[in-house]
PDB file of N, CA and C in Angstrom:
ATOM      1  N   MET A   1     -58.191  16.322   3.526  1.00  0.00           N
ATOM      2  CA  MET A   1     -56.965  16.299   1.968  1.00  0.00           C
ATOM      3  C   MET A   1     -56.929  14.643   2.263  1.00  0.00           C
ATOM      4  N   ARG A   2     -56.659  14.030   0.495  1.00  0.00           N
ATOM      5  CA  ARG A   2     -56.151  12.465   0.250  1.00  0.00           C
ATOM      6  C   ARG A   2     -55.610  12.465   0.081  1.00  0.00           C
ATOM      7  N   LEU A   3     -54.935  11.494   1.022  1.00  0.00           N
ATOM      8  CA  LEU A   3     -53.497  10.510   0.172  1.00  0.00           C
ATOM      9  C   LEU A   3     -53.534   9.439   0.160  1.00  0.00           C
ATOM     10  N   ASN A   4     -52.568   9.178  -1.160  1.00  0.00           N
ATOM     11  CA  ASN A   4     -52.476   8.100  -1.484  1.00  0.00           C
ATOM     12  C   ASN A   4     -50.917   7.387  -1.629  1.00  0.00           C
ATOM     13  N   GLU A   5     -51.226   5.733  -1.174  1.00  0.00           N
ATOM     14  CA  GLU A   5     -50.022   5.481  -1.503  1.00  0.00           C
ATOM     15  C   GLU A   5     -49.163   5.144  -2.690  1.00  0.00           C
ATOM     16  N   ILE A   6     -48.000   5.534  -2.801  1.00  0.00           N
ATOM     17  CA  ILE A   6     -47.179   5.488  -3.488  1.00  0.00           C
ATOM     18  C   ILE A   6     -46.469   4.178  -3.934  1.00  0.00           C
ATOM     19  N   SER A   7     -46.309   3.742  -5.177  1.00  0.00           N
ATOM     20  CA  SER A   7     -46.116   2.135  -5.438  1.00  0.00           C
ATOM     21  C   SER A   7     -44.809   2.945  -6.975  1.00  0.00           C
ATOM     22  N   TYR A   8     -43.633   2.071  -6.135  1.00  0.00           N
ATOM     23  CA  TYR A   8     -42.596   2.086  -7.086  1.00  0.00           C
ATOM     24  C   TYR A   8     -42.324   0.727  -7.912  1.00  0.00           C
ATOM     25  N   ASN A   9     -43.503  -0.095  -8.063  1.00  0.00           N
ATOM     26  CA  ASN A   9     -43.145  -1.623  -8.592  1.00  0.00           C
ATOM     27  C   ASN A   9     -41.885  -1.855  -8.162  1.00  0.00           C
ATOM     28  N   ASP A  10     -40.822  -2.580  -9.011  1.00  0.00           N
ATOM     29  CA  ASP A  10     -39.770  -2.698  -8.501  1.00  0.00           C
ATOM     30  C   ASP A  10     -38.325  -2.212  -8.037  1.00  0.00           C
ATOM     31  N   ALA A  11     -38.843  -0.767  -8.741  1.00  0.00           N
ATOM     32  CA  ALA A  11     -37.851   0.527  -8.701  1.00  0.00           C
ATOM     33  C   ALA A  11     -37.265   0.492  -7.554  1.00  0.00           C
ATOM     34  N   VAL A  12     -36.186   1.270  -6.941  1.00  0.00           N
ATOM     35  CA  VAL A  12     -36.141   1.683  -5.082  1.00  0.00           C
ATOM     36  C   VAL A  12     -36.421   3.214  -5.395  1.00  0.00           C
ATOM     37  N   PRO A  13     -36.840   4.107  -4.496  1.00  0.00           N
ATOM     38  CA  PRO A  13     -37.184   5.690  -4.610  1.00  0.00           C
ATOM     39  C   PRO A  13     -35.703   5.912  -3.700  1.00  0.00           C
ATOM     40  N   ILE A  14     -35.411   6.968  -3.860  1.00  0.00           N
ATOM     41  CA  ILE A  14     -34.150   7.775  -2.697  1.00  0.00           C
ATOM     42  C   ILE A  14     -35.333   8.364  -1.615  1.00  0.00           C
ATOM     43  N   ASP A  15     -34.677   7.894  -0.611  1.00  0.00           N
ATOM     44  CA  ASP A  15     -35.308   7.957   0.487  1.00  0.00           C
ATOM     45  C   ASP A  15     -34.528   9.481   1.330  1.00  0.00           C
ATOM     46  N   GLY A  16     -33.414   9.608   0.923  1.00  0.00           N
ATOM     47  CA  GLY A  16     -32.520  11.369   1.437  1.00  0.00           C
ATOM     48  C   GLY A  16     -30.798  11.160   1.077  1.00  0.00           C
ATOM     49  N   TYR A  17     -30.602  12.391   1.267  1.00  0.00           N
ATOM     50  CA  TYR A  17     -29.155  12.343   0.757  1.00  0.00           C
ATOM     51  C   TYR A  17     -28.657  13.107   2.674  1.00  0.00           C
ATOM     52  N   GLY A  18     -27.687  13.870   2.486  1.00  0.00           N
ATOM     53  CA  GLY A  18     -26.941  14.628   3.688  1.00  0.00           C
ATOM     54  C   GLY A  18     -25.309  14.440   2.819  1.00  0.00           C
ATOM     55  N   THR A  19     -24.590  14.958   3.697  1.00  0.00           N
ATOM     56  CA  THR A  19     -23.238  15.526   3.009  1.00  0.00           C
ATOM     57  C   THR A  19     -22.817  14.251   2.915  1.00  0.00           C
ATOM     58  N   GLY A  20     -22.152  13.872   1.394  1.00  0.00           N
ATOM     59  CA  GLY A  20     -21.058  13.257   1.264  1.00  0.00           C
ATOM     60  C   GLY A  20     -21.939  12.071   0.887  1.00  0.00           C
ATOM     61  N   PHE A  21     -23.840  11.476   1.365  1.00  0.00           N
ATOM     62  CA  PHE A  21     -24.308  10.041   0.931  1.00  0.00           C
ATOM     63  C   PHE A  21     -25.695  10.207   0.501  1.00  0.00           C
ATOM     64  N   PHE A  22     -26.049   9.480  -0.034  1.00  0.00           N
ATOM     65  CA  PHE A  22     -27.558   9.847  -0.400  1.00  0.00           C
ATOM     66  C   PHE A  22     -28.080   8.139  -0.038  1.00  0.00           C
ATOM     67  N   ARG A  23     -29.151   8.169   0.397  1.00  0.00           N
ATOM     68  CA  ARG A  23     -29.838   6.789   0.820  1.00  0.00           C
ATOM     69  C   ARG A  23     -31.574   6.150  -0.249  1.00  0.00           C
ATOM     70  N   VAL A  24     -30.561   5.132  -0.797  1.00  0.00           N
ATOM     71  CA  VAL A  24     -31.294   4.677  -1.245  1.00  0.00           C
ATOM     72  C   VAL A  24     -32.022   3.555  -0.918  1.00  0.00           C
ATOM     73  N   GLY A  25     -33.713   3.486  -0.971  1.00  0.00           N
ATOM     74  CA  GLY A  25     -34.307   2.092  -0.918  1.00  0.00           C
ATOM     75  C   GLY A  25     -33.818   1.276   1.217  1.00  0.00           C
ATOM     76  N   GLY A  26     -33.388   2.251   1.490  1.00  0.00           N
ATOM     77  CA  GLY A  26     -33.302   2.156   2.753  1.00  0.00           C
ATOM     78  C   GLY A  26     -31.701   1.986   2.930  1.00  0.00           C
ATOM     79  N   LYS A  27     -30.361   1.904   2.488  1.00  0.00           N
ATOM     80  CA  LYS A  27     -29.471   1.638   2.295  1.00  0.00           C
ATOM     81  C   LYS A  27     -28.655   2.844   1.979  1.00  0.00           C
ATOM     82  N   ARG A  28     -27.657   3.091   2.855  1.00  0.00           N
ATOM     83  CA  ARG A  28     -26.279   4.922   2.790  1.00  0.00           C
ATOM     84  C   ARG A  28     -25.629   4.356   1.667  1.00  0.00           C
ATOM     85  N   TYR A  29     -25.209   5.666   0.596  1.00  0.00           N
ATOM     86  CA  TYR A  29     -24.138   4.968   0.116  1.00  0.00           C
ATOM     87  C   TYR A  29     -23.483   6.358   0.066  1.00  0.00           C
ATOM     88  N   ASP A  30     -22.120   6.086   0.141  1.00  0.00           N
ATOM     89  CA  ASP A  30     -21.153   7.292   0.044  1.00  0.00           C
ATOM     90  C   ASP A  30     -20.871   7.685  -1.223  1.00  0.00           C
ATOM     91  N   GLY A  31     -20.866   8.965  -1.490  1.00  0.00           N
ATOM     92  CA  GLY A  31     -20.011   9.570  -2.801  1.00  0.00           C
ATOM     93  C   GLY A  31     -20.967   9.800  -3.952  1.00  0.00           C
ATOM     94  N   ALA A  32     -20.366   9.784  -4.690  1.00  0.00           N
ATOM     95  CA  ALA A  32     -21.367  10.090  -6.445  1.00  0.00           C
ATOM     96  C   ALA A  32     -22.088   8.729  -6.459  1.00  0.00           C
ATOM     97  N   LEU A  33     -23.372   8.821  -7.241  1.00  0.00           N
ATOM     98  CA  LEU A  33     -23.948   7.161  -7.345  1.00  0.00           C
ATOM     99  C   LEU A  33     -24.571   7.178  -8.139  1.00  0.00           C
ATOM    100  N   LEU A  34     -25.022   6.224  -8.892  1.00  0.00           N
ATOM    101  CA  LEU A  34     -26.068   6.038 -10.293  1.00  0.00           C
ATOM    102  C   LEU A  34     -27.049   5.122  -9.563  1.00  0.00           C
ATOM    103  N   VAL A  35     -28.390   5.897 -10.130  1.00  0.00           N
ATOM    104  CA  VAL A  35     -29.694   5.057  -9.236  1.00  0.00           C
ATOM    105  C   VAL A  35     -30.175   4.777 -11.238  1.00  0.00           C
ATOM    106  N   LEU A  36     -30.322   3.330 -11.085  1.00  0.00           N
ATOM    107  CA  LEU A  36     -30.600   2.730 -12.646  1.00  0.00           C
ATOM    108  C   LEU A  36     -31.621   1.486 -12.517  1.00  0.00           C
ATOM    109  N   PRO A  37     -32.256   1.553 -13.600  1.00  0.00           N
ATOM    110  CA  PRO A  37     -33.825   1.008 -13.507  1.00  0.00           C
ATOM    111  C   PRO A  37     -33.055  -0.635 -12.956  1.00  0.00           C
ATOM    112  N   ASN A  38     -32.247  -0.985 -12.904  1.00  0.00           N
ATOM    113  CA  ASN A  38     -31.612  -2.428 -12.712  1.00  0.00           C
ATOM    114  C   ASN A  38     -31.217  -2.373 -11.489  1.00  0.00           C
ATOM    115  N   GLY A  39     -30.367  -1.133 -10.484  1.00  0.00           N
ATOM    116  CA  GLY A  39     -29.965  -0.954  -9.443  1.00  0.00           C
ATOM    117  C   GLY A  39     -29.184   0.480  -9.375  1.00  0.00           C
ATOM    118  N   VAL A  40     -28.760   0.028  -7.915  1.00  0.00           N
ATOM    119  CA  VAL A  40     -27.934   1.593  -7.749  1.00  0.00           C
ATOM    120  C   VAL A  40     -26.242   0.884  -8.237  1.00  0.00           C
ATOM    121  N   THR A  41     -25.585   1.528  -8.333  1.00  0.00           N
ATOM    122  CA  THR A  41     -24.002   1.533  -8.356  1.00  0.00           C
ATOM    123  C   THR A  41     -23.629   2.928  -8.544  1.00  0.00           C
ATOM    124  N   ALA A  42     -21.625   2.802  -7.712  1.00  0.00           N
ATOM    125  CA  ALA A  42     -21.620   4.212  -7.802  1.00  0.00           C
ATOM    126  C   ALA A  42     -21.032   4.628  -9.236  1.00  0.00           C
ATOM    127  N   TRP A  43     -21.097   6.070  -8.559  1.00  0.00           N
ATOM    128  CA  TRP A  43     -20.743   6.224 -10.152  1.00  0.00           C
ATOM    129  C   TRP A  43     -19.218   7.737 -10.273  1.00  0.00           C
ATOM    130  N   GLY A  44     -18.754   7.521 -11.658  1.00  0.00           N
ATOM    131  CA  GLY A  44     -17.405   7.541 -12.032  1.00  0.00           C
ATOM    132  C   GLY A  44     -17.260   9.485 -12.391  1.00  0.00           C
ATOM    133  N   GLY A  45     -18.465   9.888 -12.309  1.00  0.00           N
ATOM    134  CA  GLY A  45     -18.442  11.269 -12.362  1.00  0.00           C
ATOM    135  C   GLY A  45     -18.558  11.179 -14.103  1.00  0.00           C
ATOM    136  N   PHE A  46     -18.749  12.636 -14.414  1.00  0.00           N
ATOM    137  CA  PHE A  46     -19.011  12.734 -15.974  1.00  0.00           C
ATOM    138  C   PHE A  46     -18.157  12.221 -16.640  1.00  0.00           C
ATOM    139  N   GLU A  47     -16.739  11.718 -16.243  1.00  0.00           N
ATOM    140  CA  GLU A  47     -16.305  10.644 -17.196  1.00  0.00           C
ATOM    141  C   GLU A  47     -16.714   8.868 -17.638  1.00  0.00           C
ATOM    142  N   ASP A  48     -17.200   9.055 -16.714  1.00  0.00           N
ATOM    143  CA  ASP A  48     -18.229   7.872 -16.932  1.00  0.00           C
ATOM    144  C   ASP A  48     -19.455   7.933 -17.169  1.00  0.00           C
ATOM    145  N   THR A  49     -19.367   7.472 -18.420  1.00  0.00           N
ATOM    146  CA  THR A  49     -20.648   7.262 -19.626  1.00  0.00           C
ATOM    147  C   THR A  49     -21.088   5.422 -19.960  1.00  0.00           C
ATOM    148  N   ALA A  50     -19.926   5.309 -19.765  1.00  0.00           N
ATOM    149  CA  ALA A  50     -20.177   3.604 -20.416  1.00  0.00           C
ATOM    150  C   ALA A  50     -21.316   2.673 -19.433  1.00  0.00           C
ATOM    151  N   THR A  51     -21.554   3.329 -17.906  1.00  0.00           N
ATOM    152  CA  THR A  51     -22.456   2.677 -17.450  1.00  0.00           C
ATOM    153  C   THR A  51     -24.246   3.077 -17.830  1.00  0.00           C
ATOM    154  N   LEU A  52     -23.781   4.088 -17.897  1.00  0.00           N
ATOM    155  CA  LEU A  52     -25.141   5.186 -19.017  1.00  0.00           C
ATOM    156  C   LEU A  52     -25.555   4.537 -19.812  1.00  0.00           C
ATOM    157  N   LEU A  53     -24.378   4.371 -20.803  1.00  0.00           N
ATOM    158  CA  LEU A  53     -24.673   3.896 -22.076  1.00  0.00           C
ATOM    159  C   LEU A  53     -25.021   2.303 -22.235  1.00  0.00           C
ATOM    160  N   ALA A  54     -24.971   1.579 -21.407  1.00  0.00           N
ATOM    161  CA  ALA A  54     -25.196   0.262 -20.966  1.00  0.00           C
ATOM    162  C   ALA A  54     -26.743   0.629 -20.863  1.00  0.00           C
ATOM    163  N   GLN A  55     -27.198   1.734 -20.333  1.00  0.00           N
ATOM    164  CA  GLN A  55     -28.897   1.428 -20.286  1.00  0.00           C
ATOM    165  C   GLN A  55     -29.648   2.036 -20.772  1.00  0.00           C
ATOM    166  N   VAL A  56     -29.405   2.389 -22.012  1.00  0.00           N
ATOM    167  CA  VAL A  56     -30.002   3.285 -23.202  1.00  0.00           C
ATOM    168  C   VAL A  56     -31.717   2.450 -23.617  1.00  0.00           C
ATOM    169  N   ALA A  57     -31.379   1.453 -23.860  1.00  0.00           N
ATOM    170  CA  ALA A  57     -32.941   0.154 -24.116  1.00  0.00           C
ATOM    171  C   ALA A  57     -33.636   1.258 -22.456  1.00  0.00           C
ATOM    172  N   GLU A  58     -33.152   1.066 -21.626  1.00  0.00           N
ATOM    173  CA  GLU A  58     -34.200   1.333 -20.188  1.00  0.00           C
ATOM    174  C   GLU A  58     -34.931   2.553 -20.060  1.00  0.00           C
ATOM    175  N   ILE A  59     -33.909   3.598 -20.621  1.00  0.00           N
ATOM    176  CA  ILE A  59     -34.218   4.670 -20.089  1.00  0.00           C
ATOM    177  C   ILE A  59     -34.563   5.905 -20.780  1.00  0.00           C
ATOM    178  N   ASP A  60     -35.570   7.096 -21.083  1.00  0.00           N
ATOM    179  CA  ASP A  60     -35.769   7.854 -21.687  1.00  0.00           C
ATOM    180  C   ASP A  60     -34.944   8.761 -21.383  1.00  0.00           C
ATOM    181  N   VAL A  61     -34.463   9.538 -19.818  1.00  0.00           N
ATOM    182  CA  VAL A  61     -34.173  10.762 -19.126  1.00  0.00           C
ATOM    183  C   VAL A  61     -33.406  10.176 -17.734  1.00  0.00           C
ATOM    184  N   LEU A  62     -32.374  11.068 -18.247  1.00  0.00           N
ATOM    185  CA  LEU A  62     -31.478  11.091 -17.031  1.00  0.00           C
ATOM    186  C   LEU A  62     -31.504  12.405 -16.165  1.00  0.00           C
ATOM    187  N   PHE A  63     -31.118  12.450 -15.096  1.00  0.00           N
ATOM    188  CA  PHE A  63     -31.657  13.427 -14.237  1.00  0.00           C
ATOM    189  C   PHE A  63     -29.916  13.637 -13.570  1.00  0.00           C
ATOM    190  N   VAL A  64     -29.634  14.701 -13.665  1.00  0.00           N
ATOM    191  CA  VAL A  64     -28.446  14.480 -13.306  1.00  0.00           C
ATOM    192  C   VAL A  64     -28.341  15.809 -12.149  1.00  0.00           C
ATOM    193  N   GLY A  65     -27.732  15.289 -11.091  1.00  0.00           N
ATOM    194  CA  GLY A  65     -27.650  16.606  -9.771  1.00  0.00           C
ATOM    195  C   GLY A  65     -26.351  16.454  -9.735  1.00  0.00           C
ATOM    196  N   THR A  66     -26.406  17.417  -9.423  1.00  0.00           N
ATOM    197  CA  THR A  66     -24.595  18.244  -9.681  1.00  0.00           C
ATOM    198  C   THR A  66     -24.001  18.961  -8.380  1.00  0.00           C
ATOM    199  N   GLY A  67     -24.599  18.277  -7.288  1.00  0.00           N
ATOM    200  CA  GLY A  67     -24.115  18.929  -5.748  1.00  0.00           C
ATOM    201  C   GLY A  67     -25.378  19.735  -5.839  1.00  0.00           C
ATOM    202  N   ALA A  68     -24.948  20.588  -4.558  1.00  0.00           N
ATOM    203  CA  ALA A  68     -25.610  21.510  -3.888  1.00  0.00           C
ATOM    204  C   ALA A  68     -26.393  22.531  -4.717  1.00  0.00           C
ATOM    205  N   GLU A  69     -25.369  22.881  -5.554  1.00  0.00           N
ATOM    206  CA  GLU A  69     -25.657  24.328  -6.964  1.00  0.00           C
ATOM    207  C   GLU A  69     -25.727  23.106  -8.073  1.00  0.00           C
ATOM    208  N   ILE A  70     -26.742  24.054  -9.065  1.00  0.00           N
ATOM    209  CA  ILE A  70     -26.772  23.731 -10.952  1.00  0.00           C
ATOM    210  C   ILE A  70     -25.146  24.109 -10.823  1.00  0.00           C
ATOM    211  N   ALA A  71     -25.111  23.482 -12.127  1.00  0.00           N
ATOM    212  CA  ALA A  71     -23.959  23.660 -12.767  1.00  0.00           C
ATOM    213  C   ALA A  71     -24.265  23.146 -13.681  1.00  0.00           C
ATOM    214  N   HIS A  72     -23.599  23.584 -15.185  1.00  0.00           N
ATOM    215  CA  HIS A  72     -23.533  22.743 -16.154  1.00  0.00           C
ATOM    216  C   HIS A  72     -22.794  21.256 -16.325  1.00  0.00           C
ATOM    217  N   PRO A  73     -23.236  20.465 -16.758  1.00  0.00           N
ATOM    218  CA  PRO A  73     -22.040  19.131 -16.850  1.00  0.00           C
ATOM    219  C   PRO A  73     -21.107  19.327 -18.474  1.00  0.00           C
ATOM    220  N   PRO A  74     -20.130  18.584 -18.447  1.00  0.00           N
ATOM    221  CA  PRO A  74     -19.160  18.818 -20.021  1.00  0.00           C
ATOM    222  C   PRO A  74     -20.465  18.862 -20.651  1.00  0.00           C
ATOM    223  N   LYS A  75     -20.098  19.541 -21.869  1.00  0.00           N
ATOM    224  CA  LYS A  75     -20.897  19.524 -23.442  1.00  0.00           C
ATOM    225  C   LYS A  75     -20.719  17.642 -23.824  1.00  0.00           C
ATOM    226  N   ASP A  76     -19.766  17.023 -23.951  1.00  0.00           N
ATOM    227  CA  ASP A  76     -19.108  16.177 -24.325  1.00  0.00           C
ATOM    228  C   ASP A  76     -19.844  15.025 -24.037  1.00  0.00           C
ATOM    229  N   PHE A  77     -20.078  15.114 -22.344  1.00  0.00           N
ATOM    230  CA  PHE A  77     -20.929  13.921 -21.356  1.00  0.00           C
ATOM    231  C   PHE A  77     -22.683  14.548 -21.951  1.00  0.00           C
ATOM    232  N   ARG A  78     -22.636  15.705 -21.872  1.00  0.00           N
ATOM    233  CA  ARG A  78     -24.435  15.984 -22.550  1.00  0.00           C
ATOM    234  C   ARG A  78     -24.419  15.277 -24.224  1.00  0.00           C
ATOM    235  N   ALA A  79     -23.650  15.504 -24.756  1.00  0.00           N
ATOM    236  CA  ALA A  79     -23.672  15.137 -26.587  1.00  0.00           C
ATOM    237  C   ALA A  79     -23.609  13.272 -26.570  1.00  0.00           C
ATOM    238  N   THR A  80     -22.995  12.844 -25.770  1.00  0.00           N
ATOM    239  CA  THR A  80     -22.493  11.706 -25.674  1.00  0.00           C
ATOM    240  C   THR A  80     -23.874  11.012 -25.866  1.00  0.00           C
ATOM    241  N   LEU A  81     -24.066  11.000 -24.346  1.00  0.00           N
ATOM    242  CA  LEU A  81     -26.077  10.272 -23.953  1.00  0.00           C
ATOM    243  C   LEU A  81     -27.134  10.970 -24.974  1.00  0.00           C
ATOM    244  N   GLU A  82     -26.996  12.298 -25.038  1.00  0.00           N
ATOM    245  CA  GLU A  82     -28.237  13.239 -26.066  1.00  0.00           C
ATOM    246  C   GLU A  82     -28.213  11.978 -27.582  1.00  0.00           C
ATOM    247  N   ASP A  83     -26.943  11.769 -28.275  1.00  0.00           N
ATOM    248  CA  ASP A  83     -26.711  10.729 -29.139  1.00  0.00           C
ATOM    249  C   ASP A  83     -27.565   9.499 -29.459  1.00  0.00           C
ATOM    250  N   ALA A  84     -26.761   8.727 -27.953  1.00  0.00           N
ATOM    251  CA  ALA A  84     -27.695   7.601 -27.705  1.00  0.00           C
ATOM    252  C   ALA A  84     -29.216   7.845 -27.977  1.00  0.00           C
ATOM    253  N   GLY A  85     -29.436   8.759 -27.524  1.00  0.00           N
ATOM    254  CA  GLY A  85     -31.172   8.689 -27.040  1.00  0.00           C
ATOM    255  C   GLY A  85     -31.674   9.118 -26.166  1.00  0.00           C
ATOM    256  N   ILE A  86     -30.782   9.214 -25.048  1.00  0.00           N
ATOM    257  CA  ILE A  86     -31.013   9.497 -23.657  1.00  0.00           C
ATOM    258  C   ILE A  86     -31.054  10.939 -23.488  1.00  0.00           C
ATOM    259  N   GLY A  87     -32.221  11.210 -23.245  1.00  0.00           N
ATOM    260  CA  GLY A  87     -32.633  13.151 -22.697  1.00  0.00           C
ATOM    261  C   GLY A  87     -31.921  13.050 -21.398  1.00  0.00           C
ATOM    262  N   VAL A  88     -30.923  14.117 -21.689  1.00  0.00           N
ATOM    263  CA  VAL A  88     -30.377  14.826 -19.802  1.00  0.00           C
ATOM    264  C   VAL A  88     -30.786  16.336 -19.609  1.00  0.00           C
ATOM    265  N   GLU A  89     -31.345  15.904 -17.807  1.00  0.00           N
ATOM    266  CA  GLU A  89     -31.834  17.443 -17.075  1.00  0.00           C
ATOM    267  C   GLU A  89     -30.859  17.749 -16.363  1.00  0.00           C
ATOM    268  N   THR A  90     -30.771  18.754 -16.388  1.00  0.00           N
ATOM    269  CA  THR A  90     -29.424  18.738 -15.351  1.00  0.00           C
ATOM    270  C   THR A  90     -30.104  19.627 -14.095  1.00  0.00           C
ATOM    271  N   MET A  91     -28.989  19.254 -12.574  1.00  0.00           N
ATOM    272  CA  MET A  91     -30.269  20.487 -11.558  1.00  0.00           C
ATOM    273  C   MET A  91     -29.577  19.332 -10.616  1.00  0.00           C
ATOM    274  N   ALA A  92     -29.594  20.831  -9.077  1.00  0.00           N
ATOM    275  CA  ALA A  92     -29.231  20.337  -7.888  1.00  0.00           C
ATOM    276  C   ALA A  92     -29.194  18.909  -7.684  1.00  0.00           C
ATOM    277  N   SER A  93     -28.573  18.228  -6.984  1.00  0.00           N
ATOM    278  CA  SER A  93     -28.901  16.660  -6.566  1.00  0.00           C
ATOM    279  C   SER A  93     -30.102  17.114  -5.539  1.00  0.00           C
ATOM    280  N   PRO A  94     -30.558  17.508  -4.578  1.00  0.00           N
ATOM    281  CA  PRO A  94     -31.611  17.387  -3.876  1.00  0.00           C
ATOM    282  C   PRO A  94     -32.771  17.930  -4.853  1.00  0.00           C
ATOM    283  N   ALA A  95     -33.097  18.109  -5.637  1.00  0.00           N
ATOM    284  CA  ALA A  95     -34.390  18.664  -6.925  1.00  0.00           C
ATOM    285  C   ALA A  95     -33.892  17.323  -7.875  1.00  0.00           C
ATOM    286  N   ALA A  96     -32.810  16.929  -7.963  1.00  0.00           N
ATOM    287  CA  ALA A  96     -32.730  15.527  -8.486  1.00  0.00           C
ATOM    288  C   ALA A  96     -33.402  14.496  -8.620  1.00  0.00           C
ATOM    289  N   CYS A  97     -33.278  14.512  -7.519  1.00  0.00           N
ATOM    290  CA  CYS A  97     -33.547  13.294  -5.834  1.00  0.00           C
ATOM    291  C   CYS A  97     -35.172  12.938  -6.204  1.00  0.00           C
ATOM    292  N   ARG A  98     -35.891  14.650  -5.889  1.00  0.00           N
ATOM    293  CA  ARG A  98     -36.847  14.376  -5.952  1.00  0.00           C
ATOM    294  C   ARG A  98     -37.706  14.336  -7.002  1.00  0.00           C
ATOM    295  N   THR A  99     -37.490  14.835  -8.368  1.00  0.00           N
ATOM    296  CA  THR A  99     -37.762  14.955  -9.209  1.00  0.00           C
ATOM    297  C   THR A  99     -37.547  13.165 -10.147  1.00  0.00           C
ATOM    298  N   TYR A 100     -37.051  12.780  -9.780  1.00  0.00           N
ATOM    299  CA  TYR A 100     -36.710  10.988  -9.772  1.00  0.00           C
ATOM    300  C   TYR A 100     -37.405  10.171  -9.095  1.00  0.00           C
ATOM    301  N   ASN A 101     -37.944  10.788  -7.971  1.00  0.00           N
ATOM    302  CA  ASN A 101     -39.004  10.030  -7.200  1.00  0.00           C
ATOM    303  C   ASN A 101     -40.271  10.498  -7.342  1.00  0.00           C
ATOM    304  N   VAL A 102     -40.710  11.757  -8.249  1.00  0.00           N
ATOM    305  CA  VAL A 102     -41.968  11.593  -8.804  1.00  0.00           C
ATOM    306  C   VAL A 102     -42.180  11.111  -9.826  1.00  0.00           C
ATOM    307  N   LEU A 103     -41.117  10.995 -11.041  1.00  0.00           N
ATOM    308  CA  LEU A 103     -41.409  10.575 -12.133  1.00  0.00           C
ATOM    309  C   LEU A 103     -41.355   8.480 -11.856  1.00  0.00           C
ATOM    310  N   LEU A 104     -40.623   8.189 -10.992  1.00  0.00           N
ATOM    311  CA  LEU A 104     -40.211   6.830 -11.108  1.00  0.00           C
ATOM    312  C   LEU A 104     -41.985   6.245 -10.419  1.00  0.00           C
ATOM    313  N   SER A 105     -42.239   7.032  -9.589  1.00  0.00           N
ATOM    314  CA  SER A 105     -43.977   6.576  -8.936  1.00  0.00           C
ATOM    315  C   SER A 105     -44.737   6.762 -10.201  1.00  0.00           C
ATOM    316  N   GLU A 106     -44.285   7.605 -10.992  1.00  0.00           N
ATOM    317  CA  GLU A 106     -45.164   7.731 -11.970  1.00  0.00           C
ATOM    318  C   GLU A 106     -45.421   6.371 -13.047  1.00  0.00           C
ATOM    319  N   GLY A 107     -44.009   5.731 -12.811  1.00  0.00           N
ATOM    320  CA  GLY A 107     -43.913   4.520 -14.073  1.00  0.00           C
ATOM    321  C   GLY A 107     -42.707   5.147 -15.516  1.00  0.00           C
ATOM    322  N   ARG A 108     -42.498   6.366 -15.019  1.00  0.00           N
ATOM    323  CA  ARG A 108     -41.499   6.685 -16.127  1.00  0.00           C
ATOM    324  C   ARG A 108     -40.436   5.852 -16.123  1.00  0.00           C
ATOM    325  N   ARG A 109     -39.404   6.013 -17.156  1.00  0.00           N
ATOM    326  CA  ARG A 109     -38.256   5.157 -17.526  1.00  0.00           C
ATOM    327  C   ARG A 109     -37.218   6.392 -17.025  1.00  0.00           C
ATOM    328  N   VAL A 110     -36.686   6.489 -15.604  1.00  0.00           N
ATOM    329  CA  VAL A 110     -35.803   7.440 -15.680  1.00  0.00           C
ATOM    330  C   VAL A 110     -34.586   6.758 -15.212  1.00  0.00           C
ATOM    331  N   ALA A 111     -33.548   7.610 -14.494  1.00  0.00           N
ATOM    332  CA  ALA A 111     -32.768   7.212 -13.804  1.00  0.00           C
ATOM    333  C   ALA A 111     -31.786   8.693 -13.597  1.00  0.00           C
ATOM    334  N   VAL A 112     -30.842   8.049 -12.456  1.00  0.00           N
ATOM    335  CA  VAL A 112     -30.510   9.319 -12.294  1.00  0.00           C
ATOM    336  C   VAL A 112     -28.598   9.564 -11.698  1.00  0.00           C
ATOM    337  N   ALA A 113     -28.139  10.279 -12.011  1.00  0.00           N
ATOM    338  CA  ALA A 113     -26.419  10.428 -11.476  1.00  0.00           C
ATOM    339  C   ALA A 113     -26.405  11.602 -11.113  1.00  0.00           C
ATOM    340  N   LEU A 114     -25.668  11.293  -9.456  1.00  0.00           N
ATOM    341  CA  LEU A 114     -25.650  11.968  -8.512  1.00  0.00           C
ATOM    342  C   LEU A 114     -24.058  12.250  -8.224  1.00  0.00           C
ATOM    343  N   LEU A 115     -23.994  13.840  -7.948  1.00  0.00           N
ATOM    344  CA  LEU A 115     -22.827  14.506  -7.158  1.00  0.00           C
ATOM    345  C   LEU A 115     -23.045  14.575  -6.224  1.00  0.00           C
ATOM    346  N   PRO A 116     -22.432  14.186  -4.951  1.00  0.00           N
ATOM    347  CA  PRO A 116     -22.959  14.497  -3.276  1.00  0.00           C
ATOM    348  C   PRO A 116     -23.123  15.986  -3.153  1.00  0.00           C
ATOM    349  N   VAL A 117     -23.359  16.530  -2.007  1.00  0.00           N
ATOM    350  CA  VAL A 117     -23.534  17.948  -1.528  1.00  0.00           C
ATOM    351  C   VAL A 117     -23.130  17.904  -0.714  1.00  0.00           C
TER     352      VAL A 117
END
C-alpha cells in the first residue's frame, strides 16, 4: 500500500471531535465552530450568517455539520448563503469534518460550520 503525505498549505485540518468539542490544528474548541480559510472562530448557529457572508470571496462550498445526526438547516439560512453564491452541503458533523479535510487536502475553497455532537 502506498501512503502519501497530505499537505494542507496554510489551512488547518480538523484533527478530531468529541462530546461538545472539536480539535482543529491541535487546539481544542468547545461548542459550535466555524473553520474558515482565514482561521477558526465560534459560530452562533443558523442565525449567524454574517461571518459566513464575509467569506463569500474565499469559499465556494460550506459544509454544515448538524451534530450527531443529519438535520435540515432552516430554509432562510440556506437561501441567504446560496443567494450570495456559497453552496451549502448539510450532513452530520462527523461526516462534515471528514469531507472538509478531504477537500481541503485537494486545495478546494471550502469551509465548515459545525454543531457539536
